[in-house]
Amino acid sequence: MCDHCGCSPSDNSVTIHKPSGHGHNHDHQHRRTVRVEQDILFSNNQVARITREYFQSQNITALNLVSSPGSGKTTLLEQTIRALNDEIRIAVIEGDQQTMRDAQRIEATGVPVVQVNTGTGCHLDARMIEWAIHQLPLKDHSLLFIENVGNLVCPALFDLGEDMKVVIISVTEGDDKPQKYPTMFEAASLGVITKTDLLPYVDFDMEECRRLALAVNPALEFHAVSAKTGQGMDTWLNWLRNRCG
């Protein structure tokens, strides 16, 4: 169980074993089940609502990039920023458990960035984003990328106040990711398949991946890109331009 997000089995019940209070020997147990109805995400969602209202008032497009570790999120961000930085005001919130490595990579592209280290936490939450945006010189009509901690489970549950979640999957991970992690693909509005230059060398079926994802979320859009070769990047960049237009 994650101490930070409280992820646990979906049956939110506690079974309490109590002595019966009578003295005879018996081999049966007395049980009382107490239902736990408190929404552990209530506080997070309240902060996220306020953040979303702020983004909307400033015409800031906020995209929450979610994926498993090693999908190529930061490399995709670097190439995206270099292509769009002269057209669109861009800022980045980097989420990782430790180190400043990704923030340093983004800083080298010339855009404002702030690093949020979660320690043992497996995801960003709304309060972290609230803190981070106060550290950034966000301007009206900006594009804010939130690079979440590498994890395809808990980030699906946490609203950060973003416009949408963008789920990223690399061809090196296997085409069955949407079937294994359906909640994330259901929560996302866009899917990006990365590292397509490696397709000749890995066992990854693009159409099967799309099929499994659309079975979970029929409205999910898809882009396939290689940040290394540039293949498919124009379609991804035009999609971002349209979102910010």
C-alpha atoms as a PDB file:
ATOM      1  CA  MET A   1       0.000   0.000   0.000  1.00  0.00           C
ATOM      2  CA  CYS A   2       1.270   3.462  -0.868  1.00  0.00           C
ATOM      3  CA  ASP A   3       1.510   5.638   2.245  1.00  0.00           C
ATOM      4  CA  HIS A   4       1.037   8.824   0.216  1.00  0.00           C
ATOM      5  CA  CYS A   5      -1.972   8.078  -1.960  1.00  0.00           C
ATOM      6  CA  GLY A   6      -3.682   5.396   0.105  1.00  0.00           C
ATOM      7  CA  CYS A   7      -4.047   3.018  -2.807  1.00  0.00           C
ATOM      8  CA  SER A   8      -5.515  -0.216  -1.544  1.00  0.00           C
ATOM      9  CA  PRO A   9      -7.949  -2.907  -2.646  1.00  0.00           C
ATOM     10  CA  SER A  10     -11.239  -1.484  -3.927  1.00  0.00           C
ATOM     11  CA  ASP A  11     -13.211  -3.104  -1.083  1.00  0.00           C
ATOM     12  CA  ASN A  12     -13.000  -0.239   1.410  1.00  0.00           C
ATOM     13  CA  SER A  13     -14.035  -2.233   4.433  1.00  0.00           C
ATOM     14  CA  VAL A  14     -12.431  -3.102   7.756  1.00  0.00           C
ATOM     15  CA  THR A  15     -13.167  -6.415   9.447  1.00  0.00           C
ATOM     16  CA  ILE A  16     -12.999  -6.124  13.249  1.00  0.00           C
ATOM     17  CA  HIS A  17     -12.542  -9.225  15.392  1.00  0.00           C
ATOM     18  CA  LYS A  18     -13.893  -8.784  18.925  1.00  0.00           C
ATOM     19  CA  PRO A  19     -14.198 -11.138  21.853  1.00  0.00           C
ATOM     20  CA  SER A  20     -17.723 -12.419  22.317  1.00  0.00           C
ATOM     21  CA  GLY A  21     -17.900 -11.585  26.016  1.00  0.00           C
ATOM     22  CA  HIS A  22     -19.096 -15.040  27.067  1.00  0.00           C
ATOM     23  CA  GLY A  23     -17.009 -17.724  28.614  1.00  0.00           C
ATOM     24  CA  HIS A  24     -17.806 -20.932  26.739  1.00  0.00           C
ATOM     25  CA  ASN A  25     -15.375 -22.476  24.318  1.00  0.00           C
ATOM     26  CA  HIS A  26     -16.406 -22.206  20.680  1.00  0.00           C
ATOM     27  CA  ASP A  27     -14.771 -22.467  17.299  1.00  0.00           C
ATOM     28  CA  HIS A  28     -16.774 -19.767  15.489  1.00  0.00           C
ATOM     29  CA  GLN A  29     -15.790 -16.115  15.091  1.00  0.00           C
ATOM     30  CA  HIS A  30     -17.940 -13.034  15.610  1.00  0.00           C
ATOM     31  CA  ARG A  31     -17.327 -10.421  12.932  1.00  0.00           C
ATOM     32  CA  ARG A  32     -18.586  -6.924  12.341  1.00  0.00           C
ATOM     33  CA  THR A  33     -17.824  -5.160   9.059  1.00  0.00           C
ATOM     34  CA  VAL A  34     -17.542  -1.377   9.096  1.00  0.00           C
ATOM     35  CA  ARG A  35     -17.829   0.419   5.747  1.00  0.00           C
ATOM     36  CA  VAL A  36     -15.407   3.274   5.189  1.00  0.00           C
ATOM     37  CA  GLU A  37     -17.087   5.946   3.067  1.00  0.00           C
ATOM     38  CA  GLN A  38     -14.667   8.863   3.357  1.00  0.00           C
ATOM     39  CA  ASP A  39     -13.308  10.105   0.044  1.00  0.00           C
ATOM     40  CA  ILE A  40      -9.532  10.177   0.493  1.00  0.00           C
ATOM     41  CA  LEU A  41      -9.241  12.307  -2.617  1.00  0.00           C
ATOM     42  CA  PHE A  42     -11.612  15.046  -1.420  1.00  0.00           C
ATOM     43  CA  SER A  43      -8.885  17.460  -0.311  1.00  0.00           C
ATOM     44  CA  ASN A  44      -6.847  16.844  -3.463  1.00  0.00           C
ATOM     45  CA  ASN A  45      -9.846  17.475  -5.695  1.00  0.00           C
ATOM     46  CA  GLN A  46     -10.682  20.737  -3.935  1.00  0.00           C
ATOM     47  CA  VAL A  47      -7.175  22.079  -4.582  1.00  0.00           C
ATOM     48  CA  ALA A  48      -7.287  20.790  -8.165  1.00  0.00           C
ATOM     49  CA  ARG A  49     -10.563  22.639  -8.775  1.00  0.00           C
ATOM     50  CA  ILE A  50      -9.032  25.943  -7.652  1.00  0.00           C
ATOM     51  CA  THR A  51      -5.936  25.319  -9.791  1.00  0.00           C
ATOM     52  CA  ARG A  52      -8.072  24.528 -12.838  1.00  0.00           C
ATOM     53  CA  GLU A  53     -10.011  27.756 -12.367  1.00  0.00           C
ATOM     54  CA  TYR A  54      -6.705  29.646 -12.242  1.00  0.00           C
ATOM     55  CA  PHE A  55      -5.471  27.981 -15.434  1.00  0.00           C
ATOM     56  CA  GLN A  56      -8.710  28.799 -17.205  1.00  0.00           C
ATOM     57  CA  SER A  57      -8.656  32.434 -16.077  1.00  0.00           C
ATOM     58  CA  GLN A  58      -5.113  32.822 -17.463  1.00  0.00           C
ATOM     59  CA  ASN A  59      -5.734  30.787 -20.642  1.00  0.00           C
ATOM     60  CA  ILE A  60      -3.042  28.296 -19.626  1.00  0.00           C
ATOM     61  CA  THR A  61      -3.182  24.882 -21.288  1.00  0.00           C
ATOM     62  CA  ALA A  62      -1.951  22.300 -18.767  1.00  0.00           C
ATOM     63  CA  LEU A  63      -1.094  18.781 -19.914  1.00  0.00           C
ATOM     64  CA  ASN A  64      -0.338  16.007 -17.430  1.00  0.00           C
ATOM     65  CA  LEU A  65       2.144  13.600 -19.055  1.00  0.00           C
ATOM     66  CA  VAL A  66       1.863  10.140 -17.519  1.00  0.00           C
ATOM     67  CA  SER A  67       3.718   6.938 -18.315  1.00  0.00           C
ATOM     68  CA  SER A  68       5.802   4.138 -16.892  1.00  0.00           C
ATOM     69  CA  PRO A  69       9.508   4.855 -16.255  1.00  0.00           C
ATOM     70  CA  GLY A  70      11.696   5.035 -19.352  1.00  0.00           C
ATOM     71  CA  SER A  71       8.975   5.789 -21.891  1.00  0.00           C
ATOM     72  CA  GLY A  72      10.857   8.803 -23.254  1.00  0.00           C
ATOM     73  CA  LYS A  73       8.742  11.594 -21.745  1.00  0.00           C
ATOM     74  CA  THR A  74      11.657  13.923 -21.116  1.00  0.00           C
ATOM     75  CA  THR A  75      13.218  13.366 -24.540  1.00  0.00           C
ATOM     76  CA  LEU A  76       9.858  14.031 -26.182  1.00  0.00           C
ATOM     77  CA  LEU A  77       9.540  17.207 -24.099  1.00  0.00           C
ATOM     78  CA  GLU A  78      13.002  18.417 -25.081  1.00  0.00           C
ATOM     79  CA  GLN A  79      12.303  18.052 -28.793  1.00  0.00           C
ATOM     80  CA  THR A  80       8.823  19.531 -28.447  1.00  0.00           C
ATOM     81  CA  ILE A  81      10.115  22.605 -26.631  1.00  0.00           C
ATOM     82  CA  ARG A  82      12.865  23.219 -29.176  1.00  0.00           C
ATOM     83  CA  ALA A  83      10.314  23.049 -31.990  1.00  0.00           C
ATOM     84  CA  LEU A  84       7.677  25.294 -30.395  1.00  0.00           C
ATOM     85  CA  ASN A  85       9.542  27.655 -28.097  1.00  0.00           C
ATOM     86  CA  ASP A  86       9.544  30.498 -30.636  1.00  0.00           C
ATOM     87  CA  GLU A  87       5.772  30.171 -31.117  1.00  0.00           C
ATOM     88  CA  ILE A  88       4.315  29.301 -27.715  1.00  0.00           C
ATOM     89  CA  ARG A  89       5.196  30.277 -24.146  1.00  0.00           C
ATOM     90  CA  ILE A  90       6.107  27.003 -22.453  1.00  0.00           C
ATOM     91  CA  ALA A  91       6.789  26.066 -18.828  1.00  0.00           C
ATOM     92  CA  VAL A  92       7.408  22.671 -17.232  1.00  0.00           C
ATOM     93  CA  ILE A  93       6.833  21.016 -13.859  1.00  0.00           C
ATOM     94  CA  GLU A  94       9.075  17.975 -13.474  1.00  0.00           C
ATOM     95  CA  GLY A  95       8.029  15.197 -11.098  1.00  0.00           C
ATOM     96  CA  ASP A  96      10.460  12.553  -9.871  1.00  0.00           C
ATOM     97  CA  GLN A  97      11.131  10.740  -6.632  1.00  0.00           C
ATOM     98  CA  GLN A  98      14.729  12.004  -6.517  1.00  0.00           C
ATOM     99  CA  THR A  99      17.368  14.107  -8.379  1.00  0.00           C
ATOM    100  CA  MET A 100      17.251  17.247 -10.531  1.00  0.00           C
ATOM    101  CA  ARG A 101      18.376  15.468 -13.705  1.00  0.00           C
ATOM    102  CA  ASP A 102      15.223  15.962 -15.784  1.00  0.00           C
ATOM    103  CA  ALA A 103      14.768  19.560 -14.666  1.00  0.00           C
ATOM    104  CA  GLN A 104      18.349  20.287 -15.710  1.00  0.00           C
ATOM    105  CA  ARG A 105      17.694  18.796 -19.135  1.00  0.00           C
ATOM    106  CA  ILE A 106      14.595  20.947 -19.572  1.00  0.00           C
ATOM    107  CA  GLU A 107      16.364  24.042 -18.253  1.00  0.00           C
ATOM    108  CA  ALA A 108      18.926  23.627 -21.046  1.00  0.00           C
ATOM    109  CA  THR A 109      16.136  24.232 -23.581  1.00  0.00           C
ATOM    110  CA  GLY A 110      15.604  27.733 -22.166  1.00  0.00           C
ATOM    111  CA  VAL A 111      12.116  27.419 -20.670  1.00  0.00           C
ATOM    112  CA  PRO A 112      11.087  27.927 -17.024  1.00  0.00           C
ATOM    113  CA  VAL A 113      11.064  24.663 -15.077  1.00  0.00           C
ATOM    114  CA  VAL A 114      10.608  23.605 -11.475  1.00  0.00           C
ATOM    115  CA  GLN A 115      11.442  20.186 -10.048  1.00  0.00           C
ATOM    116  CA  VAL A 116       9.147  18.459  -7.565  1.00  0.00           C
ATOM    117  CA  ASN A 117      10.760  15.522  -5.766  1.00  0.00           C
ATOM    118  CA  THR A 118       8.189  13.265  -4.140  1.00  0.00           C
ATOM    119  CA  GLY A 119      10.575  11.163  -2.030  1.00  0.00           C
ATOM    120  CA  THR A 120       8.761   7.890  -1.452  1.00  0.00           C
ATOM    121  CA  GLY A 121       5.634   9.191  -3.182  1.00  0.00           C
ATOM    122  CA  CYS A 122       4.638   7.509  -6.436  1.00  0.00           C
ATOM    123  CA  HIS A 123       2.831  10.437  -8.083  1.00  0.00           C
ATOM    124  CA  LEU A 124       2.272  14.175  -8.086  1.00  0.00           C
ATOM    125  CA  ASP A 125      -0.778  15.560  -6.308  1.00  0.00           C
ATOM    126  CA  ALA A 126      -2.692  18.812  -6.526  1.00  0.00           C
ATOM    127  CA  ARG A 127      -0.919  20.489  -3.599  1.00  0.00           C
ATOM    128  CA  MET A 128       2.454  19.849  -5.210  1.00  0.00           C
ATOM    129  CA  ILE A 129       1.214  21.512  -8.391  1.00  0.00           C
ATOM    130  CA  GLU A 130      -0.225  24.419  -6.389  1.00  0.00           C
ATOM    131  CA  TRP A 131       3.225  24.942  -4.845  1.00  0.00           C
ATOM    132  CA  ALA A 132       5.056  24.533  -8.159  1.00  0.00           C
ATOM    133  CA  ILE A 133       3.030  27.076 -10.132  1.00  0.00           C
ATOM    134  CA  HIS A 134       3.923  29.714  -7.546  1.00  0.00           C
ATOM    135  CA  GLN A 135       7.589  29.076  -8.364  1.00  0.00           C
ATOM    136  CA  LEU A 136       7.108  29.509 -12.115  1.00  0.00           C
ATOM    137  CA  PRO A 137       6.785  32.759 -14.093  1.00  0.00           C
ATOM    138  CA  LEU A 138       3.626  31.540 -15.795  1.00  0.00           C
ATOM    139  CA  LYS A 139       2.185  33.961 -18.319  1.00  0.00           C
ATOM    140  CA  ASP A 140      -1.186  34.193 -20.013  1.00  0.00           C
ATOM    141  CA  HIS A 141      -1.707  31.871 -22.977  1.00  0.00           C
ATOM    142  CA  SER A 142       1.078  29.521 -21.850  1.00  0.00           C
ATOM    143  CA  LEU A 143       1.484  25.803 -22.403  1.00  0.00           C
ATOM    144  CA  LEU A 144       2.329  24.016 -19.147  1.00  0.00           C
ATOM    145  CA  PHE A 145       3.682  20.492 -19.287  1.00  0.00           C
ATOM    146  CA  ILE A 146       3.465  18.485 -16.053  1.00  0.00           C
ATOM    147  CA  GLU A 147       5.789  15.493 -16.314  1.00  0.00           C
ATOM    148  CA  ASN A 148       4.450  13.112 -13.700  1.00  0.00           C
ATOM    149  CA  VAL A 149       6.396  10.459 -11.807  1.00  0.00           C
ATOM    150  CA  GLY A 150       6.887   7.315 -13.879  1.00  0.00           C
ATOM    151  CA  ASN A 151       3.946   5.152 -12.803  1.00  0.00           C
ATOM    152  CA  LEU A 152       0.876   3.878 -14.659  1.00  0.00           C
ATOM    153  CA  VAL A 153      -1.240   3.293 -11.538  1.00  0.00           C
ATOM    154  CA  CYS A 154      -1.633   6.078  -8.970  1.00  0.00           C
ATOM    155  CA  PRO A 155      -1.339   9.135 -11.273  1.00  0.00           C
ATOM    156  CA  ALA A 156      -4.538   7.998 -12.958  1.00  0.00           C
ATOM    157  CA  LEU A 157      -6.464   8.713  -9.752  1.00  0.00           C
ATOM    158  CA  PHE A 158      -5.147  12.190  -8.957  1.00  0.00           C
ATOM    159  CA  ASP A 159      -6.618  15.301 -10.549  1.00  0.00           C
ATOM    160  CA  LEU A 160      -3.947  18.008 -10.754  1.00  0.00           C
ATOM    161  CA  GLY A 161      -6.177  20.674 -12.258  1.00  0.00           C
ATOM    162  CA  GLU A 162      -4.866  19.852 -15.732  1.00  0.00           C
ATOM    163  CA  ASP A 163      -6.788  20.102 -18.988  1.00  0.00           C
ATOM    164  CA  MET A 164      -6.113  16.483 -19.778  1.00  0.00           C
ATOM    165  CA  LYS A 165      -3.872  13.511 -19.167  1.00  0.00           C
ATOM    166  CA  VAL A 166      -1.600  12.394 -22.010  1.00  0.00           C
ATOM    167  CA  VAL A 167      -0.552   8.772 -21.597  1.00  0.00           C
ATOM    168  CA  ILE A 168       2.798   7.899 -23.197  1.00  0.00           C
ATOM    169  CA  ILE A 169       3.884   4.374 -24.037  1.00  0.00           C
ATOM    170  CA  SER A 170       7.098   3.356 -25.784  1.00  0.00           C
ATOM    171  CA  VAL A 171       7.348   0.479 -28.236  1.00  0.00           C
ATOM    172  CA  THR A 172       9.886  -1.151 -25.914  1.00  0.00           C
ATOM    173  CA  GLU A 173       7.237  -1.716 -23.223  1.00  0.00           C
ATOM    174  CA  GLY A 174       4.879  -4.144 -24.932  1.00  0.00           C
ATOM    175  CA  ASP A 175       1.598  -3.549 -26.740  1.00  0.00           C
ATOM    176  CA  ASP A 176      -0.521  -4.962 -23.897  1.00  0.00           C
ATOM    177  CA  LYS A 177      -0.033  -1.959 -21.566  1.00  0.00           C
ATOM    178  CA  PRO A 178      -3.632  -0.687 -22.070  1.00  0.00           C
ATOM    179  CA  GLN A 179      -4.965  -4.080 -20.993  1.00  0.00           C
ATOM    180  CA  LYS A 180      -2.712  -4.246 -17.931  1.00  0.00           C
ATOM    181  CA  TYR A 181      -3.297  -0.640 -16.810  1.00  0.00           C
ATOM    182  CA  PRO A 182      -6.816   0.173 -18.035  1.00  0.00           C
ATOM    183  CA  THR A 183      -7.546   2.911 -15.469  1.00  0.00           C
ATOM    184  CA  MET A 184      -4.767   5.098 -16.829  1.00  0.00           C
ATOM    185  CA  PHE A 185      -5.864   4.704 -20.432  1.00  0.00           C
ATOM    186  CA  GLU A 186      -9.460   5.352 -19.422  1.00  0.00           C
ATOM    187  CA  ALA A 187      -8.426   8.581 -17.656  1.00  0.00           C
ATOM    188  CA  ALA A 188      -6.323   9.868 -20.563  1.00  0.00           C
ATOM    189  CA  SER A 189      -7.566  11.905 -23.511  1.00  0.00           C
ATOM    190  CA  LEU A 190      -4.557  11.325 -25.754  1.00  0.00           C
ATOM    191  CA  GLY A 191      -2.102   8.488 -26.225  1.00  0.00           C
ATOM    192  CA  VAL A 192       1.400   8.964 -27.621  1.00  0.00           C
ATOM    193  CA  ILE A 193       3.429   5.963 -28.772  1.00  0.00           C
ATOM    194  CA  THR A 194       7.140   6.815 -28.613  1.00  0.00           C
ATOM    195  CA  LYS A 195      10.441   5.368 -29.866  1.00  0.00           C
ATOM    196  CA  THR A 196       8.862   4.216 -33.135  1.00  0.00           C
ATOM    197  CA  ASP A 197      12.337   4.123 -34.720  1.00  0.00           C
ATOM    198  CA  LEU A 198      12.860   0.926 -32.703  1.00  0.00           C
ATOM    199  CA  LEU A 199       9.863  -0.900 -34.201  1.00  0.00           C
ATOM    200  CA  PRO A 200      12.026  -3.096 -36.483  1.00  0.00           C
ATOM    201  CA  TYR A 201      13.859  -4.418 -33.424  1.00  0.00           C
ATOM    202  CA  VAL A 202      11.063  -5.070 -30.911  1.00  0.00           C
ATOM    203  CA  ASP A 203       7.947  -7.201 -30.715  1.00  0.00           C
ATOM    204  CA  PHE A 204       5.325  -4.443 -30.627  1.00  0.00           C
ATOM    205  CA  ASP A 205       2.084  -4.417 -32.610  1.00  0.00           C
ATOM    206  CA  MET A 206       0.891  -0.812 -33.068  1.00  0.00           C
ATOM    207  CA  GLU A 207      -2.604  -1.793 -34.147  1.00  0.00           C
ATOM    208  CA  GLU A 208      -3.019  -4.241 -31.265  1.00  0.00           C
ATOM    209  CA  CYS A 209      -1.973  -1.552 -28.797  1.00  0.00           C
ATOM    210  CA  ARG A 210      -4.526   0.854 -30.273  1.00  0.00           C
ATOM    211  CA  ARG A 211      -7.210  -1.830 -30.273  1.00  0.00           C
ATOM    212  CA  LEU A 212      -6.684  -2.636 -26.599  1.00  0.00           C
ATOM    213  CA  ALA A 213      -6.624   1.059 -25.667  1.00  0.00           C
ATOM    214  CA  LEU A 214      -9.801   1.844 -27.594  1.00  0.00           C
ATOM    215  CA  ALA A 215     -11.547  -1.097 -25.932  1.00  0.00           C
ATOM    216  CA  VAL A 216     -10.945   0.718 -22.637  1.00  0.00           C
ATOM    217  CA  ASN A 217     -11.478   4.264 -23.924  1.00  0.00           C
ATOM    218  CA  PRO A 218     -13.157   4.540 -27.350  1.00  0.00           C
ATOM    219  CA  ALA A 219     -12.558   8.319 -27.422  1.00  0.00           C
ATOM    220  CA  LEU A 220      -8.768   8.071 -27.014  1.00  0.00           C
ATOM    221  CA  GLU A 221      -6.746   9.786 -29.750  1.00  0.00           C
ATOM    222  CA  PHE A 222      -3.315   8.491 -30.752  1.00  0.00           C
ATOM    223  CA  HIS A 223      -0.055   9.853 -32.133  1.00  0.00           C
ATOM    224  CA  ALA A 224       3.012   7.758 -32.944  1.00  0.00           C
ATOM    225  CA  VAL A 225       6.367   9.544 -32.826  1.00  0.00           C
ATOM    226  CA  SER A 226      10.107   9.165 -32.743  1.00  0.00           C
ATOM    227  CA  ALA A 227      11.755  12.056 -30.924  1.00  0.00           C
ATOM    228  CA  LYS A 228      15.101  10.747 -32.181  1.00  0.00           C
ATOM    229  CA  THR A 229      14.357  10.761 -35.923  1.00  0.00           C
ATOM    230  CA  GLY A 230      11.499  13.269 -35.940  1.00  0.00           C
ATOM    231  CA  GLN A 231       9.049  10.823 -37.503  1.00  0.00           C
ATOM    232  CA  GLY A 232       5.477  11.747 -36.555  1.00  0.00           C
ATOM    233  CA  MET A 233       6.549  14.848 -34.621  1.00  0.00           C
ATOM    234  CA  ASP A 234       4.782  17.257 -36.989  1.00  0.00           C
ATOM    235  CA  THR A 235       1.404  15.698 -36.216  1.00  0.00           C
ATOM    236  CA  TRP A 236       2.077  15.908 -32.464  1.00  0.00           C
ATOM    237  CA  LEU A 237       3.290  19.522 -32.735  1.00  0.00           C
ATOM    238  CA  ASN A 238       0.261  20.570 -34.789  1.00  0.00           C
ATOM    239  CA  TRP A 239      -2.019  18.978 -32.210  1.00  0.00           C
ATOM    240  CA  LEU A 240      -0.333  21.109 -29.519  1.00  0.00           C
ATOM    241  CA  ARG A 241      -0.629  24.239 -31.652  1.00  0.00           C
ATOM    242  CA  ASN A 242      -4.347  23.620 -32.039  1.00  0.00           C
ATOM    243  CA  ARG A 243      -4.768  23.077 -28.291  1.00  0.00           C
ATOM    244  CA  CYS A 244      -3.102  26.395 -27.571  1.00  0.00           C
ATOM    245  CA  GLY A 245      -4.691  28.316 -30.442  1.00  0.00           C
END
